[in-house]
Amino acid sequence: MPSDPAIPVRGLDHIVLRVVDLDAMIAFYGDVLGCPVERRQDEIGLVQLRAGAAMIDLVPVDGKLGRAGGAAPGAEGRNLDHLCLRVEPFDEAAIRRHLDAHGVAAGPVESRYGAEGEGPSIYLSDPEGNTVELKGPSAATSA
């Protein structure tokens, strides 16, 4: 790691997802994952949801911003590989009960490496097929 980085990155500020069904995506990120809508700019086609210290921006593909971004996301044209949301506490049973209540299937808990080190995570999909990882604390930070 450089001792004097040219650009002192602190973390992720926001991620932008181009979406087809804005209402379904707001319901998923808002109701299922608990990221409330913080700001809407419907005139340009932008909805911003709070995800802890970061934001998830949703841009409908048929809005002003969305039309500038090209084709809609789909099986052959993804927006990103996945996004990861840090979750604490990471209570697998409670997470699964909540996801099940919303009809959201999730994969197995596996240990994966992230910004804080190795720790538990679960993969699931949002309504438009984007992969979302829910990541718990690393073994080092939870010890």
N, C-alpha and C. Protein backbone atom coordinates (compact mmCIF):
# COMPACT_ATOMS: atom_id res chain seq x y z
N MET A 1 0.85 -1.18 0.00
CA MET A 1 0.00 0.00 0.00
C MET A 1 0.90 1.24 0.00
N PRO A 2 0.67 2.18 -0.91
CA PRO A 2 1.51 3.37 -0.95
C PRO A 2 1.35 4.21 0.32
N SER A 3 2.45 4.81 0.78
CA SER A 3 2.39 5.62 2.00
C SER A 3 1.71 6.96 1.76
N ASP A 4 1.73 7.46 0.54
CA ASP A 4 1.12 8.75 0.22
C ASP A 4 0.32 8.60 -1.07
N PRO A 5 -0.89 8.04 -0.96
CA PRO A 5 -1.65 7.81 -2.19
C PRO A 5 -2.01 9.12 -2.88
N ALA A 6 -1.99 9.07 -4.20
CA ALA A 6 -2.34 10.25 -4.99
C ALA A 6 -3.81 10.61 -4.80
N ILE A 7 -4.65 9.60 -4.63
CA ILE A 7 -6.08 9.82 -4.40
C ILE A 7 -6.45 9.05 -3.13
N PRO A 8 -6.68 9.74 -2.02
CA PRO A 8 -6.95 9.07 -0.74
C PRO A 8 -8.39 8.56 -0.62
N VAL A 9 -8.67 7.40 -1.22
CA VAL A 9 -10.01 6.83 -1.20
C VAL A 9 -10.36 6.35 0.21
N ARG A 10 -11.53 6.75 0.70
CA ARG A 10 -12.03 6.35 2.03
C ARG A 10 -12.99 5.19 1.96
N GLY A 11 -13.69 5.05 0.86
CA GLY A 11 -14.68 3.99 0.75
C GLY A 11 -15.60 4.26 -0.41
N LEU A 12 -16.65 3.49 -0.53
CA LEU A 12 -17.63 3.68 -1.60
C LEU A 12 -18.63 4.74 -1.21
N ASP A 13 -18.93 5.64 -2.12
CA ASP A 13 -19.91 6.69 -1.89
C ASP A 13 -21.29 6.24 -2.36
N HIS A 14 -21.36 5.76 -3.59
CA HIS A 14 -22.63 5.29 -4.12
C HIS A 14 -22.41 4.35 -5.30
N ILE A 15 -23.45 3.62 -5.63
CA ILE A 15 -23.47 2.77 -6.80
C ILE A 15 -24.73 3.15 -7.57
N VAL A 16 -24.66 3.10 -8.89
CA VAL A 16 -25.80 3.45 -9.73
C VAL A 16 -26.24 2.22 -10.51
N LEU A 17 -27.51 1.87 -10.37
CA LEU A 17 -28.09 0.77 -11.13
C LEU A 17 -29.09 1.31 -12.13
N ARG A 18 -28.94 0.94 -13.39
CA ARG A 18 -29.94 1.27 -14.42
C ARG A 18 -31.02 0.20 -14.30
N VAL A 19 -32.28 0.62 -14.22
CA VAL A 19 -33.36 -0.31 -13.92
C VAL A 19 -34.51 -0.21 -14.92
N VAL A 20 -35.23 -1.31 -15.08
CA VAL A 20 -36.40 -1.36 -15.95
C VAL A 20 -37.67 -1.09 -15.14
N ASP A 21 -37.81 -1.75 -13.98
CA ASP A 21 -39.01 -1.62 -13.15
C ASP A 21 -38.64 -0.90 -11.86
N LEU A 22 -38.75 0.43 -11.89
CA LEU A 22 -38.35 1.26 -10.75
C LEU A 22 -39.09 0.90 -9.47
N ASP A 23 -40.40 0.70 -9.55
CA ASP A 23 -41.18 0.40 -8.35
C ASP A 23 -40.73 -0.90 -7.69
N ALA A 24 -40.48 -1.93 -8.49
CA ALA A 24 -40.02 -3.21 -7.94
C ALA A 24 -38.66 -3.07 -7.29
N MET A 25 -37.79 -2.26 -7.89
CA MET A 25 -36.45 -2.08 -7.34
C MET A 25 -36.49 -1.25 -6.05
N ILE A 26 -37.34 -0.23 -6.00
CA ILE A 26 -37.49 0.55 -4.77
C ILE A 26 -38.05 -0.34 -3.66
N ALA A 27 -39.01 -1.19 -3.98
CA ALA A 27 -39.58 -2.09 -2.98
C ALA A 27 -38.53 -3.07 -2.48
N PHE A 28 -37.71 -3.61 -3.38
CA PHE A 28 -36.68 -4.57 -2.97
C PHE A 28 -35.64 -3.90 -2.08
N TYR A 29 -35.02 -2.84 -2.56
CA TYR A 29 -33.96 -2.20 -1.78
C TYR A 29 -34.52 -1.48 -0.55
N GLY A 30 -35.72 -0.94 -0.64
CA GLY A 30 -36.33 -0.25 0.49
C GLY A 30 -36.94 -1.19 1.50
N ASP A 31 -37.90 -2.01 1.06
CA ASP A 31 -38.64 -2.86 1.98
C ASP A 31 -37.85 -4.11 2.40
N VAL A 32 -37.22 -4.77 1.45
CA VAL A 32 -36.53 -6.02 1.76
C VAL A 32 -35.19 -5.76 2.45
N LEU A 33 -34.39 -4.85 1.87
CA LEU A 33 -33.04 -4.62 2.42
C LEU A 33 -32.95 -3.42 3.37
N GLY A 34 -34.03 -2.68 3.54
CA GLY A 34 -34.04 -1.59 4.52
C GLY A 34 -33.25 -0.35 4.13
N CYS A 35 -33.20 -0.06 2.85
CA CYS A 35 -32.51 1.14 2.34
C CYS A 35 -33.58 2.14 1.93
N PRO A 36 -33.91 3.10 2.78
CA PRO A 36 -35.02 4.01 2.48
C PRO A 36 -34.69 5.02 1.38
N VAL A 37 -35.73 5.44 0.68
CA VAL A 37 -35.56 6.49 -0.32
C VAL A 37 -35.20 7.78 0.42
N GLU A 38 -34.10 8.37 0.02
CA GLU A 38 -33.67 9.63 0.63
C GLU A 38 -34.00 10.82 -0.25
N ARG A 39 -33.94 10.62 -1.54
CA ARG A 39 -34.16 11.75 -2.45
C ARG A 39 -34.63 11.23 -3.81
N ARG A 40 -35.55 11.97 -4.40
CA ARG A 40 -36.04 11.65 -5.75
C ARG A 40 -35.86 12.87 -6.64
N GLN A 41 -35.42 12.62 -7.85
CA GLN A 41 -35.35 13.66 -8.87
C GLN A 41 -36.04 13.09 -10.12
N ASP A 42 -37.36 13.04 -10.06
CA ASP A 42 -38.12 12.39 -11.12
C ASP A 42 -37.95 13.08 -12.48
N GLU A 43 -37.67 14.39 -12.48
CA GLU A 43 -37.52 15.11 -13.75
C GLU A 43 -36.33 14.60 -14.57
N ILE A 44 -35.32 14.07 -13.91
CA ILE A 44 -34.18 13.52 -14.66
C ILE A 44 -34.13 12.00 -14.58
N GLY A 45 -34.98 11.40 -13.74
CA GLY A 45 -35.01 9.95 -13.60
C GLY A 45 -33.93 9.45 -12.66
N LEU A 46 -34.04 9.80 -11.37
CA LEU A 46 -33.06 9.38 -10.38
C LEU A 46 -33.74 9.23 -9.03
N VAL A 47 -33.57 8.05 -8.41
CA VAL A 47 -34.05 7.81 -7.05
C VAL A 47 -32.85 7.36 -6.25
N GLN A 48 -32.62 8.03 -5.10
CA GLN A 48 -31.45 7.73 -4.28
C GLN A 48 -31.91 7.15 -2.95
N LEU A 49 -31.36 5.96 -2.63
CA LEU A 49 -31.69 5.26 -1.39
C LEU A 49 -30.47 5.23 -0.49
N ARG A 50 -30.71 5.36 0.80
CA ARG A 50 -29.63 5.37 1.80
C ARG A 50 -29.26 3.93 2.16
N ALA A 51 -27.98 3.60 2.05
CA ALA A 51 -27.46 2.28 2.42
C ALA A 51 -26.33 2.51 3.41
N GLY A 52 -26.66 2.73 4.67
CA GLY A 52 -25.65 3.05 5.67
C GLY A 52 -25.01 4.37 5.33
N ALA A 53 -23.68 4.38 5.21
CA ALA A 53 -22.96 5.61 4.87
C ALA A 53 -22.91 5.85 3.37
N ALA A 54 -23.42 4.92 2.58
CA ALA A 54 -23.37 5.02 1.12
C ALA A 54 -24.78 5.17 0.55
N MET A 55 -24.86 5.30 -0.76
CA MET A 55 -26.13 5.44 -1.45
C MET A 55 -26.23 4.39 -2.56
N ILE A 56 -27.47 3.99 -2.85
CA ILE A 56 -27.77 3.19 -4.04
C ILE A 56 -28.67 4.07 -4.89
N ASP A 57 -28.19 4.43 -6.06
CA ASP A 57 -28.96 5.25 -6.99
C ASP A 57 -29.63 4.36 -8.02
N LEU A 58 -30.92 4.57 -8.24
CA LEU A 58 -31.67 3.83 -9.24
C LEU A 58 -32.03 4.79 -10.37
N VAL A 59 -31.68 4.40 -11.59
CA VAL A 59 -31.91 5.23 -12.77
C VAL A 59 -32.79 4.42 -13.74
N PRO A 60 -34.07 4.78 -13.89
CA PRO A 60 -34.92 4.07 -14.84
C PRO A 60 -34.41 4.26 -16.27
N VAL A 61 -34.35 3.16 -17.04
CA VAL A 61 -33.80 3.24 -18.39
C VAL A 61 -34.64 4.09 -19.32
N ASP A 62 -35.91 4.35 -18.96
CA ASP A 62 -36.75 5.18 -19.83
C ASP A 62 -36.77 6.65 -19.41
N GLY A 63 -35.97 7.02 -18.41
CA GLY A 63 -35.88 8.42 -17.97
C GLY A 63 -34.77 9.16 -18.70
N LYS A 64 -34.63 10.43 -18.41
CA LYS A 64 -33.62 11.27 -19.07
C LYS A 64 -32.21 10.70 -18.90
N LEU A 65 -31.80 10.39 -17.67
CA LEU A 65 -30.47 9.82 -17.44
C LEU A 65 -30.36 8.42 -18.04
N GLY A 66 -31.40 7.62 -17.86
CA GLY A 66 -31.38 6.24 -18.32
C GLY A 66 -31.25 6.11 -19.83
N ARG A 67 -31.94 6.97 -20.57
CA ARG A 67 -31.85 6.91 -22.04
C ARG A 67 -30.44 7.21 -22.52
N ALA A 68 -29.70 7.99 -21.75
CA ALA A 68 -28.32 8.33 -22.14
C ALA A 68 -27.36 7.17 -21.92
N GLY A 69 -27.79 6.14 -21.20
CA GLY A 69 -26.90 5.04 -20.85
C GLY A 69 -26.94 3.83 -21.76
N GLY A 70 -27.72 3.88 -22.82
CA GLY A 70 -27.76 2.74 -23.74
C GLY A 70 -28.86 1.75 -23.41
N ALA A 71 -28.65 0.51 -23.87
CA ALA A 71 -29.66 -0.54 -23.73
C ALA A 71 -29.93 -0.87 -22.27
N ALA A 72 -31.12 -1.40 -22.04
CA ALA A 72 -31.52 -1.80 -20.69
C ALA A 72 -30.71 -3.01 -20.24
N PRO A 73 -30.54 -3.19 -18.92
CA PRO A 73 -29.85 -4.38 -18.42
C PRO A 73 -30.66 -5.62 -18.75
N GLY A 74 -29.97 -6.73 -18.91
CA GLY A 74 -30.63 -8.00 -19.21
C GLY A 74 -29.63 -9.13 -19.04
N ALA A 75 -30.06 -10.33 -19.36
CA ALA A 75 -29.22 -11.51 -19.16
C ALA A 75 -27.90 -11.42 -19.91
N GLU A 76 -27.88 -10.74 -21.05
CA GLU A 76 -26.66 -10.64 -21.84
C GLU A 76 -25.95 -9.30 -21.68
N GLY A 77 -26.49 -8.40 -20.89
CA GLY A 77 -25.87 -7.10 -20.70
C GLY A 77 -26.05 -6.62 -19.28
N ARG A 78 -25.13 -6.94 -18.41
CA ARG A 78 -25.25 -6.63 -17.00
C ARG A 78 -24.73 -5.24 -16.67
N ASN A 79 -25.26 -4.67 -15.62
CA ASN A 79 -24.79 -3.40 -15.09
C ASN A 79 -23.49 -3.56 -14.30
N LEU A 80 -23.37 -4.66 -13.59
CA LEU A 80 -22.23 -4.92 -12.72
C LEU A 80 -22.21 -6.39 -12.37
N ASP A 81 -21.13 -6.87 -11.76
CA ASP A 81 -21.09 -8.26 -11.33
C ASP A 81 -21.97 -8.42 -10.10
N HIS A 82 -21.68 -7.67 -9.03
CA HIS A 82 -22.54 -7.67 -7.85
C HIS A 82 -22.22 -6.46 -6.99
N LEU A 83 -23.13 -6.15 -6.07
CA LEU A 83 -22.85 -5.14 -5.07
C LEU A 83 -22.93 -5.83 -3.72
N CYS A 84 -22.15 -5.32 -2.78
CA CYS A 84 -22.08 -5.93 -1.46
C CYS A 84 -22.50 -4.92 -0.41
N LEU A 85 -23.45 -5.31 0.42
CA LEU A 85 -23.91 -4.49 1.53
C LEU A 85 -23.42 -5.12 2.84
N ARG A 86 -22.73 -4.34 3.64
CA ARG A 86 -22.20 -4.81 4.92
C ARG A 86 -23.34 -4.86 5.92
N VAL A 87 -23.52 -5.97 6.60
CA VAL A 87 -24.63 -6.20 7.52
C VAL A 87 -24.08 -6.53 8.90
N GLU A 88 -24.61 -5.84 9.93
CA GLU A 88 -24.21 -6.16 11.30
C GLU A 88 -25.35 -5.81 12.24
N PRO A 89 -25.80 -6.72 13.06
CA PRO A 89 -25.24 -8.05 13.23
C PRO A 89 -25.62 -8.96 12.07
N PHE A 90 -24.84 -9.98 11.85
CA PHE A 90 -25.11 -10.95 10.80
C PHE A 90 -25.74 -12.17 11.45
N ASP A 91 -27.07 -12.18 11.50
CA ASP A 91 -27.83 -13.26 12.12
C ASP A 91 -28.48 -14.03 10.97
N GLU A 92 -27.86 -15.14 10.58
CA GLU A 92 -28.33 -15.87 9.40
C GLU A 92 -29.80 -16.23 9.49
N ALA A 93 -30.24 -16.75 10.63
CA ALA A 93 -31.63 -17.18 10.77
C ALA A 93 -32.58 -16.00 10.59
N ALA A 94 -32.29 -14.88 11.21
CA ALA A 94 -33.14 -13.69 11.10
C ALA A 94 -33.13 -13.15 9.66
N ILE A 95 -31.97 -13.15 9.02
CA ILE A 95 -31.88 -12.69 7.63
C ILE A 95 -32.73 -13.58 6.73
N ARG A 96 -32.60 -14.89 6.90
CA ARG A 96 -33.37 -15.83 6.06
C ARG A 96 -34.88 -15.69 6.30
N ARG A 97 -35.30 -15.55 7.55
CA ARG A 97 -36.73 -15.36 7.84
C ARG A 97 -37.25 -14.11 7.13
N HIS A 98 -36.48 -13.03 7.20
CA HIS A 98 -36.90 -11.78 6.57
C HIS A 98 -36.98 -11.92 5.06
N LEU A 99 -35.95 -12.51 4.45
CA LEU A 99 -35.96 -12.71 3.00
C LEU A 99 -37.10 -13.62 2.58
N ASP A 100 -37.31 -14.72 3.32
CA ASP A 100 -38.41 -15.65 3.02
C ASP A 100 -39.76 -14.94 3.06
N ALA A 101 -39.95 -14.06 4.06
CA ALA A 101 -41.20 -13.33 4.19
C ALA A 101 -41.47 -12.43 2.99
N HIS A 102 -40.40 -12.04 2.29
CA HIS A 102 -40.52 -11.21 1.09
C HIS A 102 -40.39 -12.01 -0.19
N GLY A 103 -40.35 -13.34 -0.07
CA GLY A 103 -40.26 -14.18 -1.25
C GLY A 103 -38.92 -14.11 -1.97
N VAL A 104 -37.86 -13.80 -1.23
CA VAL A 104 -36.53 -13.68 -1.84
C VAL A 104 -35.69 -14.90 -1.47
N ALA A 105 -35.25 -15.62 -2.49
CA ALA A 105 -34.39 -16.78 -2.28
C ALA A 105 -32.95 -16.32 -2.09
N ALA A 106 -32.23 -17.03 -1.24
CA ALA A 106 -30.82 -16.69 -0.99
C ALA A 106 -29.99 -17.96 -1.01
N GLY A 107 -28.75 -17.80 -1.41
CA GLY A 107 -27.82 -18.93 -1.44
C GLY A 107 -27.32 -19.27 -0.05
N PRO A 108 -26.40 -20.22 0.01
CA PRO A 108 -25.85 -20.62 1.31
C PRO A 108 -24.93 -19.55 1.88
N VAL A 109 -24.78 -19.58 3.19
CA VAL A 109 -23.78 -18.71 3.82
C VAL A 109 -22.42 -19.32 3.52
N GLU A 110 -21.52 -18.48 3.02
CA GLU A 110 -20.15 -18.91 2.76
C GLU A 110 -19.22 -17.85 3.32
N SER A 111 -18.01 -18.27 3.61
CA SER A 111 -17.00 -17.32 4.08
C SER A 111 -16.34 -16.71 2.85
N ARG A 112 -16.38 -15.37 2.78
CA ARG A 112 -15.79 -14.66 1.65
C ARG A 112 -14.96 -13.50 2.17
N TYR A 113 -14.00 -13.10 1.37
CA TYR A 113 -13.12 -12.00 1.75
C TYR A 113 -13.71 -10.69 1.27
N GLY A 114 -13.70 -9.68 2.13
CA GLY A 114 -14.19 -8.35 1.79
C GLY A 114 -13.28 -7.29 2.38
N ALA A 115 -13.77 -6.07 2.42
CA ALA A 115 -12.97 -4.93 2.86
C ALA A 115 -12.42 -5.09 4.27
N GLU A 116 -13.14 -5.81 5.13
CA GLU A 116 -12.71 -5.98 6.52
C GLU A 116 -12.08 -7.34 6.78
N GLY A 117 -11.94 -8.16 5.73
CA GLY A 117 -11.37 -9.49 5.88
C GLY A 117 -12.39 -10.57 5.61
N GLU A 118 -12.03 -11.78 6.01
CA GLU A 118 -12.85 -12.97 5.76
C GLU A 118 -14.04 -12.99 6.71
N GLY A 119 -15.23 -13.26 6.16
CA GLY A 119 -16.42 -13.32 7.00
C GLY A 119 -17.60 -13.91 6.25
N PRO A 120 -18.72 -14.09 6.96
CA PRO A 120 -19.89 -14.73 6.36
C PRO A 120 -20.57 -13.83 5.33
N SER A 121 -21.11 -14.46 4.29
CA SER A 121 -21.88 -13.69 3.31
C SER A 121 -22.92 -14.59 2.65
N ILE A 122 -23.95 -13.94 2.14
CA ILE A 122 -25.04 -14.61 1.42
C ILE A 122 -25.26 -13.84 0.13
N TYR A 123 -25.43 -14.58 -0.96
CA TYR A 123 -25.78 -13.97 -2.24
C TYR A 123 -27.28 -14.13 -2.49
N LEU A 124 -27.89 -13.10 -3.08
CA LEU A 124 -29.27 -13.14 -3.51
C LEU A 124 -29.40 -12.26 -4.75
N SER A 125 -30.56 -12.25 -5.36
CA SER A 125 -30.77 -11.44 -6.56
C SER A 125 -31.88 -10.44 -6.32
N ASP A 126 -31.72 -9.23 -6.89
CA ASP A 126 -32.79 -8.25 -6.85
C ASP A 126 -33.80 -8.57 -7.96
N PRO A 127 -34.91 -7.83 -8.06
CA PRO A 127 -35.94 -8.17 -9.05
C PRO A 127 -35.46 -8.12 -10.51
N GLU A 128 -34.35 -7.47 -10.80
CA GLU A 128 -33.88 -7.40 -12.18
C GLU A 128 -32.64 -8.26 -12.43
N GLY A 129 -32.35 -9.16 -11.48
CA GLY A 129 -31.28 -10.12 -11.69
C GLY A 129 -29.90 -9.66 -11.26
N ASN A 130 -29.77 -8.49 -10.66
CA ASN A 130 -28.48 -8.06 -10.14
C ASN A 130 -28.17 -8.87 -8.88
N THR A 131 -26.94 -9.32 -8.75
CA THR A 131 -26.54 -10.08 -7.57
C THR A 131 -26.19 -9.12 -6.44
N VAL A 132 -26.75 -9.38 -5.26
CA VAL A 132 -26.50 -8.60 -4.06
C VAL A 132 -25.89 -9.53 -3.03
N GLU A 133 -24.77 -9.12 -2.45
CA GLU A 133 -24.13 -9.88 -1.39
C GLU A 133 -24.40 -9.17 -0.07
N LEU A 134 -24.87 -9.91 0.92
CA LEU A 134 -25.02 -9.41 2.28
C LEU A 134 -23.84 -9.95 3.06
N LYS A 135 -22.98 -9.07 3.55
CA LYS A 135 -21.69 -9.46 4.14
C LYS A 135 -21.65 -9.12 5.60
N GLY A 136 -21.29 -10.10 6.43
CA GLY A 136 -21.15 -9.90 7.86
C GLY A 136 -19.73 -9.49 8.22
N PRO A 137 -19.48 -9.31 9.51
CA PRO A 137 -18.16 -8.88 9.97
C PRO A 137 -17.11 -9.98 9.76
N SER A 138 -15.88 -9.55 9.63
CA SER A 138 -14.80 -10.53 9.50
C SER A 138 -14.59 -11.21 10.85
N ALA A 139 -13.96 -12.36 10.80
CA ALA A 139 -13.66 -13.09 12.04
C ALA A 139 -12.82 -12.21 12.97
N ALA A 140 -11.92 -11.41 12.40
CA ALA A 140 -11.05 -10.55 13.20
C ALA A 140 -11.82 -9.45 13.90
N THR A 141 -12.83 -8.84 13.23
CA THR A 141 -13.56 -7.74 13.84
C THR A 141 -14.65 -8.21 14.79
N SER A 142 -15.10 -9.48 14.63
CA SER A 142 -16.16 -9.97 15.52
C SER A 142 -15.59 -10.72 16.73
N ALA A 143 -14.27 -10.89 16.76
CA ALA A 143 -13.64 -11.62 17.87
C ALA A 143 -13.43 -10.73 19.08
